[in-house]
Amino acid sequence: MIKNNPASMGVEEEYILNLALGYQISQVLFAAVNLNIFTILDSRAKSISEIAKEVESDEGSLKRLTNTLVALNLLEKKNGMYLNAEIASQYLVKGKKHYLGNTIHHCSNLWDFWGGLERQVNSGRGRDPDGEYLKNFSHRLKDYLAAMNDFAALKAEAIANAISINECKKMLDLGCGPGTYAIAFTAQNPELYCTIVDLEPNLVYTRRLITRSRYRKRISIAACQILEDELPGSGYDLIFISNLIHIYGETDVKKIMRKAWSAAATPGKIIIHDYILNKSEYGPLYASLFDLTMLVGTPHGKCYTILEIKDLLKSLGAKNIRQKSVSLGSSLVIGEKR
């Protein structure tokens, strides 16, 4: 029964309304990052008139936005002056080590895709990119790769430790994206040599990062259409497949994994890093939401369950298959070739 007294709203009603209004919080964050508010406030506390002048925005409207950021605990307000909360200072200021602004910008690029969720569910089909998306593809690709670099930088050390990177000598990184993992892994293991593989458009950005890296002499870059082309080289004691298989349907994933298995040394390890659904298919939440992102944003992509991935590795002959959780919702599945 619906309650007539608003003051009597319970936890359940508040939970439902928070879900319904979640998009408003997202848009507040998107706007604040795009306006560089957190970066502007990194040096010192500023008045609303100072902030408005720097971001070239209407002072009254901006004050309403910054006050909302205070309510979200991203800004603090003292004596009429605004300053970054600690969490914003750490993650939302350009140039800082753990900056997540690129990832947030990429999330805002997905806004239009998510608007089609009901349509994709009704049709039962994934979405092919439309003309408007393809027209801005180079800009969106740069945003995506910058976001992947942010995410990978946060996870790289934990993954390196989880997979015992110091035991490896020769690594193949399939779908390397910006090359962040190769840089981090070669930094940790001075005896590791990496070959990184991706589509040519992605590698334009990757080459710039690798060229600036002090470990570039131990990282080789190869353009490859992973479904059509032969993989470069063989005898890799580590095949690392990060955030790749969710782009493809089941038939293509099997093809990719057979190629990876053939390129792996004996002994060797194949490691899948992805958003992996549990055996019941309804979590963790990050994976469930990412699964829907694949529905609204790709023709055939999906997130796979841990049982599907284990069965695939078993069919290839992998032994000692196990899963390890990683931060920010993803996990590793490790299989050994003996």
C-alpha atoms as a PDB file:
ATOM      1  CA  MET A   1       0.000   0.000   0.000  1.00  0.00           C
ATOM      2  CA  ILE A   2       1.330   3.470  -0.933  1.00  0.00           C
ATOM      3  CA  LYS A   3       2.010   5.685   2.049  1.00  0.00           C
ATOM      4  CA  ASN A   4       0.492   9.180   1.981  1.00  0.00           C
ATOM      5  CA  ASN A   5       2.924  10.740   4.434  1.00  0.00           C
ATOM      6  CA  PRO A   6       6.262  11.519   2.721  1.00  0.00           C
ATOM      7  CA  ALA A   7       7.966  11.633   6.094  1.00  0.00           C
ATOM      8  CA  SER A   8       7.166   7.963   6.540  1.00  0.00           C
ATOM      9  CA  MET A   9       9.204   6.885   3.511  1.00  0.00           C
ATOM     10  CA  GLY A  10      11.149   3.771   4.389  1.00  0.00           C
ATOM     11  CA  VAL A  11      14.461   2.327   3.324  1.00  0.00           C
ATOM     12  CA  GLU A  12      12.875   0.339   0.492  1.00  0.00           C
ATOM     13  CA  GLU A  13      11.185   3.342  -1.120  1.00  0.00           C
ATOM     14  CA  GLU A  14      14.342   5.416  -0.816  1.00  0.00           C
ATOM     15  CA  TYR A  15      16.367   2.633  -2.417  1.00  0.00           C
ATOM     16  CA  ILE A  16      14.014   2.455  -5.423  1.00  0.00           C
ATOM     17  CA  LEU A  17      14.016   6.228  -5.894  1.00  0.00           C
ATOM     18  CA  ASN A  18      17.799   6.368  -5.635  1.00  0.00           C
ATOM     19  CA  LEU A  19      17.981   3.837  -8.442  1.00  0.00           C
ATOM     20  CA  ALA A  20      15.577   5.899 -10.548  1.00  0.00           C
ATOM     21  CA  LEU A  21      17.501   9.120  -9.988  1.00  0.00           C
ATOM     22  CA  GLY A  22      20.984   7.676 -10.400  1.00  0.00           C
ATOM     23  CA  TYR A  23      21.366   9.271 -13.830  1.00  0.00           C
ATOM     24  CA  GLN A  24      21.181  12.719 -12.234  1.00  0.00           C
ATOM     25  CA  ILE A  25      24.243  12.052 -10.094  1.00  0.00           C
ATOM     26  CA  SER A  26      26.081  10.742 -13.157  1.00  0.00           C
ATOM     27  CA  GLN A  27      25.342  13.927 -15.071  1.00  0.00           C
ATOM     28  CA  VAL A  28      26.537  16.088 -12.177  1.00  0.00           C
ATOM     29  CA  LEU A  29      29.845  14.219 -12.181  1.00  0.00           C
ATOM     30  CA  PHE A  30      30.159  14.350 -15.979  1.00  0.00           C
ATOM     31  CA  ALA A  31      29.571  18.112 -16.003  1.00  0.00           C
ATOM     32  CA  ALA A  32      32.014  18.774 -13.159  1.00  0.00           C
ATOM     33  CA  VAL A  33      34.792  16.774 -14.823  1.00  0.00           C
ATOM     34  CA  ASN A  34      34.179  18.344 -18.241  1.00  0.00           C
ATOM     35  CA  LEU A  35      34.315  21.808 -16.653  1.00  0.00           C
ATOM     36  CA  ASN A  36      37.606  20.903 -14.909  1.00  0.00           C
ATOM     37  CA  ILE A  37      36.218  22.069 -11.577  1.00  0.00           C
ATOM     38  CA  PHE A  38      38.299  19.653  -9.513  1.00  0.00           C
ATOM     39  CA  THR A  39      41.507  20.498 -11.354  1.00  0.00           C
ATOM     40  CA  ILE A  40      40.856  24.227 -10.936  1.00  0.00           C
ATOM     41  CA  LEU A  41      40.405  23.757  -7.194  1.00  0.00           C
ATOM     42  CA  ASP A  42      43.561  21.692  -6.723  1.00  0.00           C
ATOM     43  CA  SER A  43      45.810  24.671  -5.947  1.00  0.00           C
ATOM     44  CA  ARG A  44      43.628  26.406  -3.347  1.00  0.00           C
ATOM     45  CA  ALA A  45      40.080  27.111  -2.190  1.00  0.00           C
ATOM     46  CA  LYS A  46      38.214  29.546  -4.456  1.00  0.00           C
ATOM     47  CA  SER A  47      35.023  31.562  -4.441  1.00  0.00           C
ATOM     48  CA  ILE A  48      32.210  30.790  -6.826  1.00  0.00           C
ATOM     49  CA  SER A  49      32.976  33.943  -8.801  1.00  0.00           C
ATOM     50  CA  GLU A  50      36.600  32.825  -9.277  1.00  0.00           C
ATOM     51  CA  ILE A  51      35.520  29.369 -10.407  1.00  0.00           C
ATOM     52  CA  ALA A  52      32.870  30.792 -12.766  1.00  0.00           C
ATOM     53  CA  LYS A  53      35.442  33.073 -14.373  1.00  0.00           C
ATOM     54  CA  GLU A  54      37.878  30.209 -14.983  1.00  0.00           C
ATOM     55  CA  VAL A  55      35.303  27.797 -16.417  1.00  0.00           C
ATOM     56  CA  GLU A  56      33.440  30.592 -18.265  1.00  0.00           C
ATOM     57  CA  SER A  57      30.049  29.636 -16.795  1.00  0.00           C
ATOM     58  CA  ASP A  58      27.082  31.477 -15.350  1.00  0.00           C
ATOM     59  CA  GLU A  59      27.864  32.127 -11.692  1.00  0.00           C
ATOM     60  CA  GLY A  60      24.386  31.420 -10.339  1.00  0.00           C
ATOM     61  CA  SER A  61      23.985  28.128 -12.213  1.00  0.00           C
ATOM     62  CA  LEU A  62      27.514  27.045 -11.361  1.00  0.00           C
ATOM     63  CA  LYS A  63      26.854  27.672  -7.679  1.00  0.00           C
ATOM     64  CA  ARG A  64      23.940  25.254  -7.819  1.00  0.00           C
ATOM     65  CA  LEU A  65      26.212  22.633  -9.397  1.00  0.00           C
ATOM     66  CA  THR A  66      29.049  23.127  -6.904  1.00  0.00           C
ATOM     67  CA  ASN A  67      26.622  22.999  -3.973  1.00  0.00           C
ATOM     68  CA  THR A  68      25.399  19.653  -5.287  1.00  0.00           C
ATOM     69  CA  LEU A  69      29.016  18.478  -5.440  1.00  0.00           C
ATOM     70  CA  VAL A  70      29.320  19.440  -1.778  1.00  0.00           C
ATOM     71  CA  ALA A  71      26.223  17.341  -1.036  1.00  0.00           C
ATOM     72  CA  LEU A  72      27.915  14.448  -2.858  1.00  0.00           C
ATOM     73  CA  ASN A  73      31.023  14.842  -0.664  1.00  0.00           C
ATOM     74  CA  LEU A  74      33.217  15.660  -3.667  1.00  0.00           C
ATOM     75  CA  LEU A  75      33.711  19.297  -2.656  1.00  0.00           C
ATOM     76  CA  GLU A  76      33.848  21.059   0.681  1.00  0.00           C
ATOM     77  CA  LYS A  77      32.539  24.564   1.386  1.00  0.00           C
ATOM     78  CA  LYS A  78      34.080  26.716   4.101  1.00  0.00           C
ATOM     79  CA  ASN A  79      33.291  30.398   4.650  1.00  0.00           C
ATOM     80  CA  GLY A  80      31.818  30.629   1.163  1.00  0.00           C
ATOM     81  CA  MET A  81      34.927  29.129  -0.454  1.00  0.00           C
ATOM     82  CA  TYR A  82      35.000  25.809  -2.308  1.00  0.00           C
ATOM     83  CA  LEU A  83      37.780  23.230  -2.143  1.00  0.00           C
ATOM     84  CA  ASN A  84      38.240  19.617  -3.170  1.00  0.00           C
ATOM     85  CA  ALA A  85      37.334  16.850  -0.798  1.00  0.00           C
ATOM     86  CA  GLU A  86      40.172  14.360  -0.333  1.00  0.00           C
ATOM     87  CA  ILE A  87      38.612  11.788  -2.668  1.00  0.00           C
ATOM     88  CA  ALA A  88      38.242  14.352  -5.463  1.00  0.00           C
ATOM     89  CA  SER A  89      41.796  15.566  -4.952  1.00  0.00           C
ATOM     90  CA  GLN A  90      43.098  12.037  -5.357  1.00  0.00           C
ATOM     91  CA  TYR A  91      41.034  10.824  -8.313  1.00  0.00           C
ATOM     92  CA  LEU A  92      39.582  13.807 -10.186  1.00  0.00           C
ATOM     93  CA  VAL A  93      42.515  16.189 -10.694  1.00  0.00           C
ATOM     94  CA  LYS A  94      44.222  16.064 -14.080  1.00  0.00           C
ATOM     95  CA  GLY A  95      47.837  14.994 -14.016  1.00  0.00           C
ATOM     96  CA  LYS A  96      47.667  13.045 -10.769  1.00  0.00           C
ATOM     97  CA  LYS A  97      48.671   9.396 -10.717  1.00  0.00           C
ATOM     98  CA  HIS A  98      45.207   7.984  -9.992  1.00  0.00           C
ATOM     99  CA  TYR A  99      43.209  10.376 -12.199  1.00  0.00           C
ATOM    100  CA  LEU A 100      39.908   8.830 -13.325  1.00  0.00           C
ATOM    101  CA  GLY A 101      38.649  11.707 -15.442  1.00  0.00           C
ATOM    102  CA  ASN A 102      39.325   9.896 -18.715  1.00  0.00           C
ATOM    103  CA  THR A 103      37.262   6.958 -17.501  1.00  0.00           C
ATOM    104  CA  ILE A 104      34.445   9.271 -16.448  1.00  0.00           C
ATOM    105  CA  HIS A 105      34.532  10.965 -19.854  1.00  0.00           C
ATOM    106  CA  HIS A 106      34.305   7.556 -21.524  1.00  0.00           C
ATOM    107  CA  CYS A 107      31.317   6.707 -19.311  1.00  0.00           C
ATOM    108  CA  SER A 108      29.600   9.885 -20.491  1.00  0.00           C
ATOM    109  CA  ASN A 109      30.178   8.780 -24.105  1.00  0.00           C
ATOM    110  CA  LEU A 110      28.101   5.669 -23.357  1.00  0.00           C
ATOM    111  CA  TRP A 111      25.073   7.772 -22.373  1.00  0.00           C
ATOM    112  CA  ASP A 112      23.384   7.595 -25.794  1.00  0.00           C
ATOM    113  CA  PHE A 113      23.979   3.853 -26.046  1.00  0.00           C
ATOM    114  CA  TRP A 114      22.262   3.196 -22.744  1.00  0.00           C
ATOM    115  CA  GLY A 115      19.267   5.178 -23.911  1.00  0.00           C
ATOM    116  CA  GLY A 116      18.573   2.280 -26.275  1.00  0.00           C
ATOM    117  CA  LEU A 117      18.562  -0.460 -23.613  1.00  0.00           C
ATOM    118  CA  GLU A 118      14.815  -1.153 -23.810  1.00  0.00           C
ATOM    119  CA  ARG A 119      14.996  -1.331 -27.616  1.00  0.00           C
ATOM    120  CA  GLN A 120      17.899  -3.800 -27.524  1.00  0.00           C
ATOM    121  CA  VAL A 121      16.154  -5.973 -24.949  1.00  0.00           C
ATOM    122  CA  ASN A 122      12.982  -6.040 -27.043  1.00  0.00           C
ATOM    123  CA  SER A 123      14.831  -6.909 -30.241  1.00  0.00           C
ATOM    124  CA  GLY A 124      17.116  -9.488 -28.671  1.00  0.00           C
ATOM    125  CA  ARG A 125      20.010  -8.183 -30.723  1.00  0.00           C
ATOM    126  CA  GLY A 126      23.130  -6.191 -29.978  1.00  0.00           C
ATOM    127  CA  ARG A 127      23.667  -2.781 -31.512  1.00  0.00           C
ATOM    128  CA  ASP A 128      25.722  -1.935 -34.575  1.00  0.00           C
ATOM    129  CA  PRO A 129      27.333   1.520 -34.346  1.00  0.00           C
ATOM    130  CA  ASP A 130      25.306   4.155 -36.200  1.00  0.00           C
ATOM    131  CA  GLY A 131      26.584   6.842 -38.556  1.00  0.00           C
ATOM    132  CA  GLU A 132      26.764   9.528 -35.887  1.00  0.00           C
ATOM    133  CA  TYR A 133      28.919   7.322 -33.675  1.00  0.00           C
ATOM    134  CA  LEU A 134      31.239   6.355 -36.521  1.00  0.00           C
ATOM    135  CA  LYS A 135      31.622  10.006 -37.532  1.00  0.00           C
ATOM    136  CA  ASN A 136      33.185  10.722 -34.125  1.00  0.00           C
ATOM    137  CA  PHE A 137      34.922   7.349 -33.838  1.00  0.00           C
ATOM    138  CA  SER A 138      38.509   8.606 -33.659  1.00  0.00           C
ATOM    139  CA  HIS A 139      37.641  10.935 -30.765  1.00  0.00           C
ATOM    140  CA  ARG A 140      35.663   8.231 -28.956  1.00  0.00           C
ATOM    141  CA  LEU A 141      38.477   5.717 -29.485  1.00  0.00           C
ATOM    142  CA  LYS A 142      40.982   8.115 -27.915  1.00  0.00           C
ATOM    143  CA  ASP A 143      38.635   8.601 -24.944  1.00  0.00           C
ATOM    144  CA  TYR A 144      38.206   4.837 -24.616  1.00  0.00           C
ATOM    145  CA  LEU A 145      41.924   4.071 -24.700  1.00  0.00           C
ATOM    146  CA  ALA A 146      42.688   6.839 -22.218  1.00  0.00           C
ATOM    147  CA  ALA A 147      40.023   5.378 -19.912  1.00  0.00           C
ATOM    148  CA  MET A 148      41.475   1.882 -20.282  1.00  0.00           C
ATOM    149  CA  ASN A 149      44.901   3.270 -19.396  1.00  0.00           C
ATOM    150  CA  ASP A 150      43.452   4.782 -16.203  1.00  0.00           C
ATOM    151  CA  PHE A 151      41.741   1.536 -15.226  1.00  0.00           C
ATOM    152  CA  ALA A 152      44.736  -0.643 -16.050  1.00  0.00           C
ATOM    153  CA  ALA A 153      47.105   1.592 -14.093  1.00  0.00           C
ATOM    154  CA  LEU A 154      44.963   1.064 -10.995  1.00  0.00           C
ATOM    155  CA  LYS A 155      44.947  -2.725 -11.396  1.00  0.00           C
ATOM    156  CA  ALA A 156      48.331  -3.529 -12.904  1.00  0.00           C
ATOM    157  CA  GLU A 157      50.313  -4.088  -9.710  1.00  0.00           C
ATOM    158  CA  ALA A 158      47.643  -6.310  -8.154  1.00  0.00           C
ATOM    159  CA  ILE A 159      47.386  -8.371 -11.357  1.00  0.00           C
ATOM    160  CA  ALA A 160      51.169  -8.700 -11.661  1.00  0.00           C
ATOM    161  CA  ASN A 161      51.314 -10.108  -8.144  1.00  0.00           C
ATOM    162  CA  ALA A 162      48.324 -12.401  -8.666  1.00  0.00           C
ATOM    163  CA  ILE A 163      49.811 -14.010 -11.776  1.00  0.00           C
ATOM    164  CA  SER A 164      53.395 -14.211 -10.431  1.00  0.00           C
ATOM    165  CA  ILE A 165      54.757 -12.062 -13.249  1.00  0.00           C
ATOM    166  CA  ASN A 166      58.341 -12.506 -12.018  1.00  0.00           C
ATOM    167  CA  GLU A 167      58.199 -16.158 -13.097  1.00  0.00           C
ATOM    168  CA  CYS A 168      57.525 -15.240 -16.742  1.00  0.00           C
ATOM    169  CA  LYS A 169      60.010 -14.525 -19.520  1.00  0.00           C
ATOM    170  CA  LYS A 170      57.959 -14.155 -22.707  1.00  0.00           C
ATOM    171  CA  MET A 171      54.453 -12.685 -22.800  1.00  0.00           C
ATOM    172  CA  LEU A 172      51.835 -12.199 -25.505  1.00  0.00           C
ATOM    173  CA  ASP A 173      49.221  -9.555 -24.677  1.00  0.00           C
ATOM    174  CA  LEU A 174      46.158 -10.062 -26.901  1.00  0.00           C
ATOM    175  CA  GLY A 175      44.015  -6.968 -27.277  1.00  0.00           C
ATOM    176  CA  CYS A 176      46.571  -4.855 -25.461  1.00  0.00           C
ATOM    177  CA  GLY A 177      44.671  -1.559 -25.679  1.00  0.00           C
ATOM    178  CA  PRO A 178      47.001   1.254 -24.562  1.00  0.00           C
ATOM    179  CA  GLY A 179      49.746  -1.210 -23.519  1.00  0.00           C
ATOM    180  CA  THR A 180      49.543  -0.305 -19.844  1.00  0.00           C
ATOM    181  CA  TYR A 181      49.921  -3.866 -18.585  1.00  0.00           C
ATOM    182  CA  ALA A 182      52.982  -4.546 -20.722  1.00  0.00           C
ATOM    183  CA  ILE A 183      54.659  -1.424 -19.357  1.00  0.00           C
ATOM    184  CA  ALA A 184      53.766  -2.294 -15.768  1.00  0.00           C
ATOM    185  CA  PHE A 185      54.775  -5.950 -16.067  1.00  0.00           C
ATOM    186  CA  THR A 186      58.146  -5.238 -17.724  1.00  0.00           C
ATOM    187  CA  ALA A 187      58.792  -2.616 -15.038  1.00  0.00           C
ATOM    188  CA  GLN A 188      58.296  -5.249 -12.348  1.00  0.00           C
ATOM    189  CA  ASN A 189      60.172  -8.063 -14.103  1.00  0.00           C
ATOM    190  CA  PRO A 190      63.446  -6.993 -15.793  1.00  0.00           C
ATOM    191  CA  GLU A 191      63.694 -10.345 -17.599  1.00  0.00           C
ATOM    192  CA  LEU A 192      60.255 -10.154 -19.236  1.00  0.00           C
ATOM    193  CA  TYR A 193      59.808  -9.509 -22.962  1.00  0.00           C
ATOM    194  CA  CYS A 194      56.332  -8.659 -24.255  1.00  0.00           C
ATOM    195  CA  THR A 195      54.646  -8.777 -27.634  1.00  0.00           C
ATOM    196  CA  ILE A 196      51.469  -6.715 -27.633  1.00  0.00           C
ATOM    197  CA  VAL A 197      48.745  -7.163 -30.234  1.00  0.00           C
ATOM    198  CA  ASP A 198      45.734  -5.076 -31.223  1.00  0.00           C
ATOM    199  CA  LEU A 199      43.960  -3.486 -34.170  1.00  0.00           C
ATOM    200  CA  GLU A 200      45.945  -0.821 -36.000  1.00  0.00           C
ATOM    201  CA  PRO A 201      43.664   2.124 -35.052  1.00  0.00           C
ATOM    202  CA  ASN A 202      44.162   1.304 -31.362  1.00  0.00           C
ATOM    203  CA  LEU A 203      47.925   1.048 -31.752  1.00  0.00           C
ATOM    204  CA  VAL A 204      48.320   4.678 -32.842  1.00  0.00           C
ATOM    205  CA  TYR A 205      47.690   5.692 -29.230  1.00  0.00           C
ATOM    206  CA  THR A 206      49.585   2.685 -27.846  1.00  0.00           C
ATOM    207  CA  ARG A 207      52.771   3.448 -29.751  1.00  0.00           C
ATOM    208  CA  ARG A 208      52.949   6.900 -28.180  1.00  0.00           C
ATOM    209  CA  LEU A 209      52.771   5.420 -24.680  1.00  0.00           C
ATOM    210  CA  ILE A 210      55.306   2.684 -25.416  1.00  0.00           C
ATOM    211  CA  THR A 211      57.722   5.124 -27.057  1.00  0.00           C
ATOM    212  CA  ARG A 212      57.768   7.218 -23.890  1.00  0.00           C
ATOM    213  CA  SER A 213      58.330   4.165 -21.696  1.00  0.00           C
ATOM    214  CA  ARG A 214      61.793   3.315 -20.392  1.00  0.00           C
ATOM    215  CA  TYR A 215      60.948  -0.363 -21.037  1.00  0.00           C
ATOM    216  CA  ARG A 216      60.192   0.072 -24.746  1.00  0.00           C
ATOM    217  CA  LYS A 217      63.150  -2.101 -25.840  1.00  0.00           C
ATOM    218  CA  ARG A 218      61.456  -5.126 -24.265  1.00  0.00           C
ATOM    219  CA  ILE A 219      58.027  -4.457 -25.796  1.00  0.00           C
ATOM    220  CA  SER A 220      57.227  -5.366 -29.408  1.00  0.00           C
ATOM    221  CA  ILE A 221      54.049  -4.102 -31.089  1.00  0.00           C
ATOM    222  CA  ALA A 222      52.130  -6.025 -33.756  1.00  0.00           C
ATOM    223  CA  ALA A 223      48.964  -5.012 -35.593  1.00  0.00           C
ATOM    224  CA  CYS A 224      46.654  -7.998 -35.937  1.00  0.00           C
ATOM    225  CA  GLN A 225      43.078  -8.787 -36.933  1.00  0.00           C
ATOM    226  CA  ILE A 226      42.773 -11.392 -34.233  1.00  0.00           C
ATOM    227  CA  LEU A 227      40.084 -13.477 -35.955  1.00  0.00           C
ATOM    228  CA  GLU A 228      41.630 -13.459 -39.439  1.00  0.00           C
ATOM    229  CA  ASP A 229      45.401 -13.202 -38.912  1.00  0.00           C
ATOM    230  CA  GLU A 230      47.962 -15.566 -37.448  1.00  0.00           C
ATOM    231  CA  LEU A 231      49.237 -14.520 -34.069  1.00  0.00           C
ATOM    232  CA  PRO A 232      52.832 -13.247 -34.081  1.00  0.00           C
ATOM    233  CA  GLY A 233      55.297 -15.829 -32.771  1.00  0.00           C
ATOM    234  CA  SER A 234      54.865 -18.757 -30.411  1.00  0.00           C
ATOM    235  CA  GLY A 235      56.362 -20.284 -27.293  1.00  0.00           C
ATOM    236  CA  TYR A 236      54.937 -17.689 -24.924  1.00  0.00           C
ATOM    237  CA  ASP A 237      54.998 -18.773 -21.294  1.00  0.00           C
ATOM    238  CA  LEU A 238      52.270 -16.199 -20.585  1.00  0.00           C
ATOM    239  CA  ILE A 239      49.289 -15.369 -22.783  1.00  0.00           C
ATOM    240  CA  PHE A 240      47.442 -12.407 -21.276  1.00  0.00           C
ATOM    241  CA  ILE A 241      43.945 -11.679 -22.614  1.00  0.00           C
ATOM    242  CA  SER A 242      42.526  -8.599 -20.929  1.00  0.00           C
ATOM    243  CA  ASN A 243      39.070  -7.140 -21.604  1.00  0.00           C
ATOM    244  CA  LEU A 244      38.905  -8.768 -25.019  1.00  0.00           C
ATOM    245  CA  ILE A 245      36.544 -11.730 -25.091  1.00  0.00           C
ATOM    246  CA  HIS A 246      33.522  -9.701 -23.964  1.00  0.00           C
ATOM    247  CA  ILE A 247      33.532  -7.987 -27.384  1.00  0.00           C
ATOM    248  CA  TYR A 248      32.888 -11.266 -29.219  1.00  0.00           C
ATOM    249  CA  GLY A 249      30.235 -13.938 -29.496  1.00  0.00           C
ATOM    250  CA  GLU A 250      30.863 -17.514 -28.381  1.00  0.00           C
ATOM    251  CA  THR A 251      32.046 -18.904 -31.742  1.00  0.00           C
ATOM    252  CA  ASP A 252      34.633 -16.157 -32.155  1.00  0.00           C
ATOM    253  CA  VAL A 253      35.825 -16.496 -28.558  1.00  0.00           C
ATOM    254  CA  LYS A 254      36.495 -20.193 -29.108  1.00  0.00           C
ATOM    255  CA  LYS A 255      38.500 -19.352 -32.217  1.00  0.00           C
ATOM    256  CA  ILE A 256      40.559 -16.744 -30.364  1.00  0.00           C
ATOM    257  CA  MET A 257      41.246 -19.117 -27.485  1.00  0.00           C
ATOM    258  CA  ARG A 258      42.375 -21.933 -29.810  1.00  0.00           C
ATOM    259  CA  LYS A 259      44.878 -19.538 -31.392  1.00  0.00           C
ATOM    260  CA  ALA A 260      46.104 -18.443 -27.990  1.00  0.00           C
ATOM    261  CA  TRP A 261      46.497 -22.050 -26.839  1.00  0.00           C
ATOM    262  CA  SER A 262      48.592 -22.857 -29.913  1.00  0.00           C
ATOM    263  CA  ALA A 263      50.856 -19.869 -29.261  1.00  0.00           C
ATOM    264  CA  ALA A 264      51.420 -20.814 -25.624  1.00  0.00           C
ATOM    265  CA  ALA A 265      54.537 -22.657 -24.520  1.00  0.00           C
ATOM    266  CA  THR A 266      54.506 -25.918 -22.576  1.00  0.00           C
ATOM    267  CA  PRO A 267      54.625 -25.223 -19.702  1.00  0.00           C
ATOM    268  CA  GLY A 268      52.804 -21.921 -19.922  1.00  0.00           C
ATOM    269  CA  LYS A 269      49.829 -19.984 -18.607  1.00  0.00           C
ATOM    270  CA  ILE A 270      46.782 -18.469 -20.264  1.00  0.00           C
ATOM    271  CA  ILE A 271      45.155 -15.722 -18.239  1.00  0.00           C
ATOM    272  CA  ILE A 272      41.812 -14.114 -18.993  1.00  0.00           C
ATOM    273  CA  HIS A 273      41.168 -10.790 -17.280  1.00  0.00           C
ATOM    274  CA  ASP A 274      37.596  -9.595 -17.706  1.00  0.00           C
ATOM    275  CA  TYR A 275      34.253  -8.782 -16.116  1.00  0.00           C
ATOM    276  CA  ILE A 276      33.170 -12.315 -15.333  1.00  0.00           C
ATOM    277  CA  LEU A 277      29.688 -13.281 -14.188  1.00  0.00           C
ATOM    278  CA  ASN A 278      29.252 -15.782 -11.391  1.00  0.00           C
ATOM    279  CA  LYS A 279      27.778 -19.221 -12.052  1.00  0.00           C
ATOM    280  CA  SER A 280      24.277 -17.925 -11.292  1.00  0.00           C
ATOM    281  CA  GLU A 281      24.694 -15.208 -13.982  1.00  0.00           C
ATOM    282  CA  TYR A 282      23.372 -12.304 -11.869  1.00  0.00           C
ATOM    283  CA  GLY A 283      26.515 -10.734 -10.428  1.00  0.00           C
ATOM    284  CA  PRO A 284      28.781  -9.244  -9.393  1.00  0.00           C
ATOM    285  CA  LEU A 285      26.994  -5.972 -10.198  1.00  0.00           C
ATOM    286  CA  TYR A 286      29.931  -4.512 -12.172  1.00  0.00           C
ATOM    287  CA  ALA A 287      29.872  -7.551 -14.457  1.00  0.00           C
ATOM    288  CA  SER A 288      26.086  -7.496 -14.847  1.00  0.00           C
ATOM    289  CA  LEU A 289      26.139  -3.828 -15.834  1.00  0.00           C
ATOM    290  CA  PHE A 290      29.069  -4.373 -18.171  1.00  0.00           C
ATOM    291  CA  ASP A 291      27.141  -7.223 -19.781  1.00  0.00           C
ATOM    292  CA  LEU A 292      24.354  -4.748 -20.587  1.00  0.00           C
ATOM    293  CA  THR A 293      26.948  -2.298 -21.915  1.00  0.00           C
ATOM    294  CA  MET A 294      27.918  -4.974 -24.414  1.00  0.00           C
ATOM    295  CA  LEU A 295      24.251  -5.410 -25.364  1.00  0.00           C
ATOM    296  CA  VAL A 296      23.679  -1.721 -26.056  1.00  0.00           C
ATOM    297  CA  GLY A 297      27.104  -1.014 -27.532  1.00  0.00           C
ATOM    298  CA  THR A 298      28.237  -4.016 -29.604  1.00  0.00           C
ATOM    299  CA  PRO A 299      26.727  -6.365 -32.204  1.00  0.00           C
ATOM    300  CA  HIS A 300      27.587  -9.651 -30.450  1.00  0.00           C
ATOM    301  CA  GLY A 301      29.435  -8.900 -27.201  1.00  0.00           C
ATOM    302  CA  LYS A 302      28.547 -10.300 -23.775  1.00  0.00           C
ATOM    303  CA  CYS A 303      30.106 -11.054 -20.423  1.00  0.00           C
ATOM    304  CA  TYR A 304      30.803 -14.733 -19.868  1.00  0.00           C
ATOM    305  CA  THR A 305      30.197 -16.723 -16.712  1.00  0.00           C
ATOM    306  CA  ILE A 306      32.993 -18.354 -14.775  1.00  0.00           C
ATOM    307  CA  LEU A 307      31.600 -21.761 -15.734  1.00  0.00           C
ATOM    308  CA  GLU A 308      31.675 -20.892 -19.451  1.00  0.00           C
ATOM    309  CA  ILE A 309      35.283 -19.749 -19.252  1.00  0.00           C
ATOM    310  CA  LYS A 310      36.397 -22.756 -17.204  1.00  0.00           C
ATOM    311  CA  ASP A 311      34.681 -25.126 -19.636  1.00  0.00           C
ATOM    312  CA  LEU A 312      36.393 -23.412 -22.558  1.00  0.00           C
ATOM    313  CA  LEU A 313      39.818 -23.712 -20.930  1.00  0.00           C
ATOM    314  CA  LYS A 314      39.158 -27.365 -20.039  1.00  0.00           C
ATOM    315  CA  SER A 315      38.232 -28.099 -23.657  1.00  0.00           C
ATOM    316  CA  LEU A 316      41.657 -26.803 -24.692  1.00  0.00           C
ATOM    317  CA  GLY A 317      43.381 -29.056 -22.155  1.00  0.00           C
ATOM    318  CA  ALA A 318      44.148 -26.471 -19.466  1.00  0.00           C
ATOM    319  CA  LYS A 319      44.944 -27.668 -15.945  1.00  0.00           C
ATOM    320  CA  ASN A 320      44.742 -26.124 -12.474  1.00  0.00           C
ATOM    321  CA  ILE A 321      42.101 -23.601 -13.558  1.00  0.00           C
ATOM    322  CA  ARG A 322      41.313 -21.018 -10.897  1.00  0.00           C
ATOM    323  CA  GLN A 323      39.755 -17.576 -10.489  1.00  0.00           C
ATOM    324  CA  LYS A 324      41.171 -14.596  -8.623  1.00  0.00           C
ATOM    325  CA  SER A 325      39.284 -11.367  -7.957  1.00  0.00           C
ATOM    326  CA  VAL A 326      40.766  -8.009  -8.936  1.00  0.00           C
ATOM    327  CA  SER A 327      39.676  -4.530  -7.893  1.00  0.00           C
ATOM    328  CA  LEU A 328      36.970  -2.500  -9.664  1.00  0.00           C
ATOM    329  CA  GLY A 329      34.779  -5.470 -10.479  1.00  0.00           C
ATOM    330  CA  SER A 330      36.967  -7.603 -12.729  1.00  0.00           C
ATOM    331  CA  SER A 331      38.689 -10.918 -12.100  1.00  0.00           C
ATOM    332  CA  LEU A 332      41.303 -13.282 -13.503  1.00  0.00           C
ATOM    333  CA  VAL A 333      40.859 -16.831 -14.700  1.00  0.00           C
ATOM    334  CA  ILE A 334      44.164 -18.684 -14.888  1.00  0.00           C
ATOM    335  CA  GLY A 335      44.714 -21.929 -16.759  1.00  0.00           C
ATOM    336  CA  GLU A 336      47.990 -23.838 -17.181  1.00  0.00           C
ATOM    337  CA  LYS A 337      49.327 -25.607 -20.256  1.00  0.00           C
ATOM    338  CA  ARG A 338      51.447 -28.562 -19.184  1.00  0.00           C
END
